[in-house]
Protein backbone atom coordinates (compact mmCIF):
# COMPACT_ATOMS: atom_id res chain seq x y z
CA MET A 1 3.83 -17.99 -25.05
CA LEU A 2 4.78 -20.93 -22.85
CA SER A 3 8.21 -21.18 -24.50
CA HIS A 4 9.03 -17.60 -23.32
CA LEU A 5 7.48 -18.19 -19.84
CA ASN A 6 9.76 -21.28 -19.32
CA SER A 7 13.03 -19.52 -20.51
CA VAL A 8 12.77 -16.60 -18.08
CA GLY A 9 15.68 -16.73 -15.59
CA THR A 10 17.66 -19.34 -17.67
CA GLU A 11 20.56 -18.68 -20.03
CA ARG A 12 18.29 -18.68 -23.04
CA GLY A 13 16.04 -16.17 -21.37
CA HIS A 14 17.97 -13.08 -22.29
CA GLU A 15 17.63 -13.98 -25.91
CA SER A 16 13.93 -14.54 -25.54
CA ASN A 17 13.41 -11.28 -23.76
CA GLU A 18 15.23 -9.28 -26.67
CA SER A 19 12.96 -11.09 -29.17
CA LEU A 20 9.56 -9.81 -27.52
CA GLY A 21 9.68 -6.70 -29.44
CA ILE A 22 8.10 -4.56 -26.79
CA GLN A 23 6.05 -1.59 -27.94
CA THR A 24 4.83 1.04 -25.63
CA LYS A 25 1.32 2.45 -25.81
CA THR A 26 0.24 5.11 -23.31
CA ASN A 27 3.39 4.99 -21.01
CA CYS A 28 6.10 2.56 -20.07
CA THR A 29 3.71 0.40 -17.98
CA ASP A 30 1.21 -0.01 -20.84
CA PHE A 31 2.76 -1.85 -23.60
CA ALA A 32 2.46 -4.94 -26.01
CA THR A 33 4.73 -7.60 -27.30
CA LEU A 34 5.10 -9.01 -30.83
CA ILE A 35 3.29 -12.04 -29.31
CA ASP A 36 0.25 -9.97 -28.41
CA VAL A 37 0.13 -8.86 -32.03
CA ALA A 38 0.88 -12.28 -33.61
CA ASN A 39 -1.77 -13.93 -31.34
CA GLU A 40 -4.41 -11.49 -32.33
CA GLU A 41 -3.60 -11.72 -36.20
CA MET A 42 -3.88 -15.59 -35.96
CA ILE A 43 -7.14 -15.67 -34.02
CA SER A 44 -8.73 -13.04 -36.18
CA LYS A 45 -7.63 -14.67 -39.28
CA SER A 46 -8.95 -18.01 -38.24
CA ILE A 47 -12.36 -16.43 -37.17
CA LEU A 48 -12.92 -14.59 -40.36
CA GLU A 49 -12.14 -17.61 -42.73
CA LYS A 50 -14.85 -19.51 -40.72
CA PHE A 51 -17.39 -16.71 -40.15
CA PRO A 52 -16.55 -13.99 -42.94
CA SER A 53 -19.67 -11.81 -41.89
CA HIS A 54 -18.66 -11.64 -38.29
CA ARG A 55 -17.13 -8.66 -36.72
CA ILE A 56 -13.94 -8.39 -34.54
CA ILE A 57 -12.86 -6.10 -31.63
CA GLY A 58 -9.14 -6.88 -30.76
CA GLU A 59 -7.04 -5.07 -28.03
CA GLU A 60 -4.11 -4.51 -30.28
CA SER A 61 -5.93 -3.44 -33.44
CA VAL A 62 -7.80 -1.02 -31.24
CA GLY A 63 -4.45 0.19 -29.79
CA THR A 64 -4.75 3.42 -28.10
CA GLY A 65 -7.71 4.58 -30.25
CA SER A 66 -11.45 4.79 -29.50
CA ILE A 67 -13.03 1.22 -28.72
CA PRO A 68 -15.82 0.69 -31.45
CA PRO A 69 -19.27 0.65 -29.98
CA LEU A 70 -21.43 -2.54 -30.17
CA THR A 71 -23.95 -2.26 -33.01
CA LYS A 72 -26.60 -4.69 -33.74
CA GLN A 73 -26.44 -6.64 -36.95
CA SER A 74 -28.69 -5.83 -39.88
CA ASP A 75 -32.18 -7.65 -39.82
CA ASP A 76 -31.79 -8.78 -43.54
CA GLY A 77 -28.22 -9.61 -43.63
CA PRO A 78 -26.16 -12.94 -42.56
CA PRO A 79 -25.22 -13.44 -38.98
CA SER A 80 -22.91 -10.88 -37.72
CA HIS A 81 -21.87 -11.60 -34.17
CA ILE A 82 -18.97 -9.81 -32.42
CA TRP A 83 -15.81 -11.54 -31.34
CA ILE A 84 -13.86 -9.51 -28.62
CA ILE A 85 -10.14 -10.73 -28.26
CA ASP A 86 -7.34 -10.09 -25.62
CA PRO A 87 -4.48 -12.04 -27.33
CA VAL A 88 -2.46 -11.76 -24.17
CA ASP A 89 -4.06 -10.68 -20.94
CA GLY A 90 -1.43 -9.95 -18.23
CA THR A 91 1.24 -8.75 -20.78
CA THR A 92 3.51 -7.56 -18.00
CA ASN A 93 3.31 -10.89 -16.24
CA PHE A 94 4.16 -12.64 -19.62
CA ALA A 95 7.09 -10.45 -20.22
CA GLN A 96 8.41 -10.96 -16.64
CA GLY A 97 7.78 -14.88 -16.96
CA LEU A 98 5.14 -14.83 -14.32
CA PRO A 99 2.44 -17.47 -14.95
CA GLN A 100 -0.69 -15.41 -14.46
CA THR A 101 -1.24 -14.75 -18.20
CA CYS A 102 -3.85 -15.95 -20.86
CA VAL A 103 -5.62 -15.69 -23.99
CA SER A 104 -9.30 -14.52 -23.99
CA ILE A 105 -11.78 -14.78 -26.66
CA GLY A 106 -15.37 -13.93 -26.30
CA ILE A 107 -18.33 -13.73 -28.70
CA VAL A 108 -21.25 -11.19 -28.25
CA ASP A 109 -24.54 -12.02 -29.95
CA GLY A 110 -25.08 -9.61 -32.82
CA ARG A 111 -28.78 -9.27 -32.11
CA SER A 112 -28.93 -8.95 -28.22
CA LEU A 113 -25.52 -7.48 -28.02
CA VAL A 114 -25.03 -9.79 -24.84
CA PRO A 115 -21.79 -11.78 -24.53
CA MET A 116 -22.92 -15.56 -25.16
CA ALA A 117 -19.76 -17.59 -24.91
CA GLY A 118 -16.17 -17.27 -23.98
CA VAL A 119 -12.90 -19.26 -23.97
CA VAL A 120 -9.92 -18.39 -21.70
CA TYR A 121 -6.69 -20.37 -21.89
CA SER A 122 -3.82 -20.14 -19.38
CA SER A 123 -0.74 -21.74 -21.04
CA ALA A 124 1.42 -21.79 -17.86
CA THR A 125 -1.03 -23.85 -15.90
CA ASP A 126 -2.63 -25.52 -18.89
CA GLU A 127 -6.17 -24.62 -18.01
CA MET A 128 -8.85 -24.00 -20.34
CA TYR A 129 -11.95 -22.06 -19.09
CA VAL A 130 -15.07 -22.59 -21.40
CA ALA A 131 -18.63 -21.01 -20.84
CA VAL A 132 -21.72 -20.85 -23.04
CA ARG A 133 -24.68 -18.79 -21.74
CA GLY A 134 -27.26 -21.10 -20.38
CA ARG A 135 -24.97 -24.14 -20.55
CA GLY A 136 -22.57 -23.73 -17.60
CA SER A 137 -18.70 -22.99 -17.07
CA TYR A 138 -16.08 -25.45 -17.26
CA ARG A 139 -12.36 -25.66 -16.54
CA ASN A 140 -10.65 -28.45 -18.43
CA GLY A 141 -13.95 -30.20 -19.16
CA GLU A 142 -15.16 -30.13 -15.54
CA ARG A 143 -18.10 -28.16 -14.40
CA ILE A 144 -17.10 -25.21 -12.03
CA ARG A 145 -19.17 -23.18 -9.45
CA ALA A 146 -18.00 -20.34 -7.24
CA SER A 147 -20.00 -21.52 -4.16
CA PRO A 148 -21.24 -24.85 -3.22
CA SER A 149 -24.48 -26.00 -4.74
CA HIS A 150 -25.17 -29.34 -3.06
CA PRO A 151 -27.54 -28.79 -0.01
CA ALA A 152 -25.31 -30.58 2.41
CA GLU A 153 -22.34 -28.49 1.50
CA VAL A 154 -24.43 -25.24 1.79
CA ASP A 155 -25.63 -26.13 5.21
CA SER A 156 -22.10 -27.05 6.49
CA LEU A 157 -20.08 -24.15 5.23
CA PRO A 158 -20.62 -20.54 6.41
CA GLU A 159 -21.54 -18.00 3.75
CA LYS A 160 -18.57 -16.07 2.32
CA SER A 161 -18.42 -12.52 3.54
CA LEU A 162 -15.77 -9.72 3.36
CA SER A 163 -14.10 -10.56 6.70
CA ASN A 164 -13.12 -14.10 5.50
CA ALA A 165 -12.59 -13.29 1.77
CA VAL A 166 -9.56 -13.08 -0.35
CA VAL A 167 -9.73 -9.88 -2.23
CA CYS A 168 -8.25 -8.98 -5.36
CA PHE A 169 -7.44 -5.56 -7.00
CA GLU A 170 -5.13 -4.38 -9.70
CA TYR A 171 -3.29 -1.16 -9.75
CA GLY A 172 -3.50 -0.43 -13.53
CA TYR A 173 -1.25 1.88 -15.44
CA SER A 174 -1.63 5.50 -13.93
CA ARG A 175 1.07 6.78 -11.67
CA GLU A 176 -0.52 10.12 -11.21
CA PRO A 177 -0.53 10.91 -7.27
CA ALA A 178 -4.36 11.46 -7.10
CA ASP A 179 -5.15 8.10 -8.92
CA VAL A 180 -2.62 6.23 -6.65
CA ARG A 181 -4.25 7.69 -3.65
CA LYS A 182 -7.58 6.50 -4.61
CA MET A 183 -6.44 3.06 -5.21
CA THR A 184 -4.43 2.76 -2.00
CA ASP A 185 -7.19 4.28 0.04
CA ALA A 186 -9.60 1.55 -1.16
CA VAL A 187 -7.22 -1.28 -0.31
CA ASN A 188 -6.48 0.38 3.09
CA ALA A 189 -10.18 0.45 3.72
CA ILE A 190 -10.70 -3.11 3.11
CA LEU A 191 -7.77 -4.09 5.14
CA VAL A 192 -8.92 -2.08 8.02
CA HIS A 193 -12.40 -3.41 7.75
CA GLY A 194 -11.02 -6.93 7.66
CA CYS A 195 -10.48 -9.68 4.94
CA ARG A 196 -8.50 -12.80 4.80
CA ALA A 197 -6.08 -11.50 2.41
CA MET A 198 -5.56 -9.07 -0.43
CA ARG A 199 -3.96 -10.00 -3.79
CA SER A 200 -2.89 -8.50 -6.93
CA LEU A 201 -2.26 -10.96 -9.72
CA GLY A 202 -1.70 -8.95 -12.85
CA SER A 203 -4.53 -10.55 -15.05
CA GLY A 204 -7.99 -9.12 -14.97
CA VAL A 205 -9.37 -12.15 -17.03
CA LEU A 206 -7.85 -14.74 -14.83
CA ASN A 207 -8.80 -12.83 -11.69
CA LEU A 208 -12.58 -13.28 -12.89
CA CYS A 209 -11.93 -16.90 -13.76
CA TYR A 210 -10.49 -17.32 -10.26
CA VAL A 211 -13.54 -16.02 -8.74
CA ALA A 212 -15.59 -18.34 -10.78
CA THR A 213 -13.61 -21.39 -9.37
CA GLY A 214 -13.57 -19.85 -5.68
CA ARG A 215 -9.82 -19.27 -5.68
CA LEU A 216 -10.61 -15.57 -5.04
CA ASP A 217 -13.75 -14.34 -3.43
CA VAL A 218 -13.98 -10.85 -4.81
CA VAL A 219 -12.43 -8.67 -7.32
CA PHE A 220 -12.92 -4.94 -8.12
CA ALA A 221 -11.77 -2.34 -10.59
CA GLY A 222 -12.55 1.21 -11.63
CA ILE A 223 -11.58 3.18 -8.46
CA GLY A 224 -9.38 5.60 -10.49
CA VAL A 225 -8.56 5.26 -14.17
CA GLU A 226 -7.53 1.57 -13.72
CA GLY A 227 -10.88 0.43 -14.95
CA TRP A 228 -10.68 -2.49 -17.43
CA LYS A 229 -11.79 -2.74 -21.14
CA PRO A 230 -14.33 -4.91 -23.05
CA TRP A 231 -11.62 -7.48 -23.93
CA ASP A 232 -10.98 -7.95 -20.27
CA TYR A 233 -14.49 -8.77 -19.58
CA CYS A 234 -16.35 -10.50 -22.50
CA ALA A 235 -15.20 -14.00 -22.17
CA ALA A 236 -14.80 -14.00 -18.38
CA MET A 237 -18.30 -12.45 -17.93
CA VAL A 238 -19.86 -15.59 -19.15
CA VAL A 239 -17.60 -17.81 -17.19
CA VAL A 240 -18.31 -16.00 -13.92
CA GLU A 241 -22.06 -15.77 -14.53
CA GLU A 242 -22.50 -19.27 -15.58
CA ALA A 243 -20.49 -20.23 -12.47
CA GLY A 244 -23.07 -18.54 -10.33
CA CYS A 245 -21.10 -15.52 -9.46
CA THR A 246 -22.44 -11.94 -8.83
CA LEU A 247 -21.13 -9.45 -11.32
CA ARG A 248 -21.95 -5.77 -10.97
CA SER A 249 -20.70 -2.36 -11.87
CA LEU A 250 -19.00 -0.81 -8.96
CA HIS A 251 -20.30 2.65 -9.71
CA GLY A 252 -23.53 1.98 -11.21
CA PRO A 253 -24.61 2.08 -15.01
CA PRO A 254 -22.54 4.10 -17.47
CA ASN A 255 -22.96 7.96 -17.04
CA LYS A 256 -24.40 7.56 -13.46
CA THR A 257 -23.20 10.40 -11.34
CA SER A 258 -21.33 9.58 -8.23
CA GLU A 259 -23.74 11.57 -5.91
CA SER A 260 -26.66 9.29 -6.69
CA GLU A 261 -24.75 6.32 -5.22
CA PHE A 262 -25.45 7.72 -1.71
CA ASP A 263 -28.48 8.84 0.38
CA GLU A 264 -28.88 12.04 2.23
CA MET A 265 -27.20 10.41 5.27
CA GLY A 266 -24.07 9.50 3.25
CA GLU A 267 -24.93 5.80 3.14
CA VAL A 268 -24.47 3.63 0.00
CA ILE A 269 -27.90 3.13 -1.71
CA PRO A 270 -28.58 -0.61 -2.21
CA GLY A 271 -28.84 -1.71 -5.85
CA VAL A 272 -28.27 -4.00 -8.64
CA TYR A 273 -25.96 -1.70 -10.74
CA VAL A 274 -26.10 -3.67 -13.89
CA PHE A 275 -22.90 -4.54 -15.59
CA ASP A 276 -21.87 -4.48 -19.21
CA ILE A 277 -18.71 -5.00 -20.95
CA TYR A 278 -18.31 -1.24 -21.60
CA SER A 279 -18.68 -0.22 -17.85
CA LYS A 280 -15.88 1.86 -16.46
CA SER A 281 -15.97 -0.06 -13.20
CA MET A 282 -16.68 -3.69 -11.93
CA ILE A 283 -17.04 -5.82 -8.87
CA CYS A 284 -17.42 -9.57 -8.97
CA GLY A 285 -17.75 -11.94 -6.08
CA VAL A 286 -18.74 -15.61 -5.17
CA ASN A 287 -22.03 -14.31 -3.85
CA GLU A 288 -24.27 -11.23 -3.46
CA THR A 289 -23.20 -10.80 0.30
CA VAL A 290 -19.37 -10.35 -0.31
CA VAL A 291 -20.03 -7.99 -3.43
CA LYS A 292 -22.37 -5.84 -1.31
CA GLU A 293 -20.16 -5.68 1.67
CA CYS A 294 -16.88 -4.89 -0.47
CA ARG A 295 -18.63 -2.31 -2.50
CA ASN A 296 -20.11 -0.44 0.40
CA VAL A 297 -16.57 -0.19 2.06
CA VAL A 298 -14.86 0.98 -1.06
CA LEU A 299 -17.61 3.56 -1.98
CA LYS A 300 -17.83 4.84 1.57
CA ILE A 301 -14.07 5.98 1.27
CA LYS A 302 -15.01 8.04 -1.85
CA GLN A 303 -17.98 9.61 -0.09
CA ASP A 304 -15.91 10.33 3.20
CA ALA A 305 -13.46 12.22 0.95
CA VAL A 306 -16.25 14.40 -0.23
CA LEU A 307 -17.77 15.25 3.04
């Protein structure tokens, strides 16, 4: 991966581009490279050699097919945890030579079906994010937290809110006018409300890791059809939660109707909106306040469109 990233824009970069072997999935904006496929094969082989009873869900092996559901392991069988792999997150960035791209490997407990550990590696910046549930989040071996935890820091710094937040949103693959309008309306609403800045970095996994480190303050997905997949969430979910972030479903639990998000006055109903890695929408922030404010602004746009 690093060899290609470093070659883009140089004389040898043209040869590197031709050797990527780009394979289109749903449309020209949704594709994989030979590196995606090779990475997944290498990771899967290594896992199964060490843990032959474990199961694997990988982005490239799933392709455009249905994502296998999480199922609990047999009570009388050997341990059968589930590894969820994104061999190259931010494939467009990778192909273009942009540094926001990474490999993501998460593992789900085969009994509770809850992500219990995750590793994310960004080769361009040589940053390794590692998190184990109940043991904390780390970047290159150093403990990370999204918000200050020392009492002196908490007292001296104002609480992060939407008005002084760096907000991130990705536009996904759809180019249908209705989907594009939903996404741009949400971004417009946040800008009009007021925020420090909006960013679109091109790697959902790194976006979440950047919230965990405070580089970003809030990220959301699932306005239209740009919602992410389990391999975007699994490892990073452990990273952000162990760093003290707030992670919620933007639209509520799976199969929740949009009408139940608002009261009779058209106001967003407060709630926890539990997130899981199969959720169609997500919002993650450095604290509960910025998540609530951003969610209210985004969902109010949808409600106003209905009225």
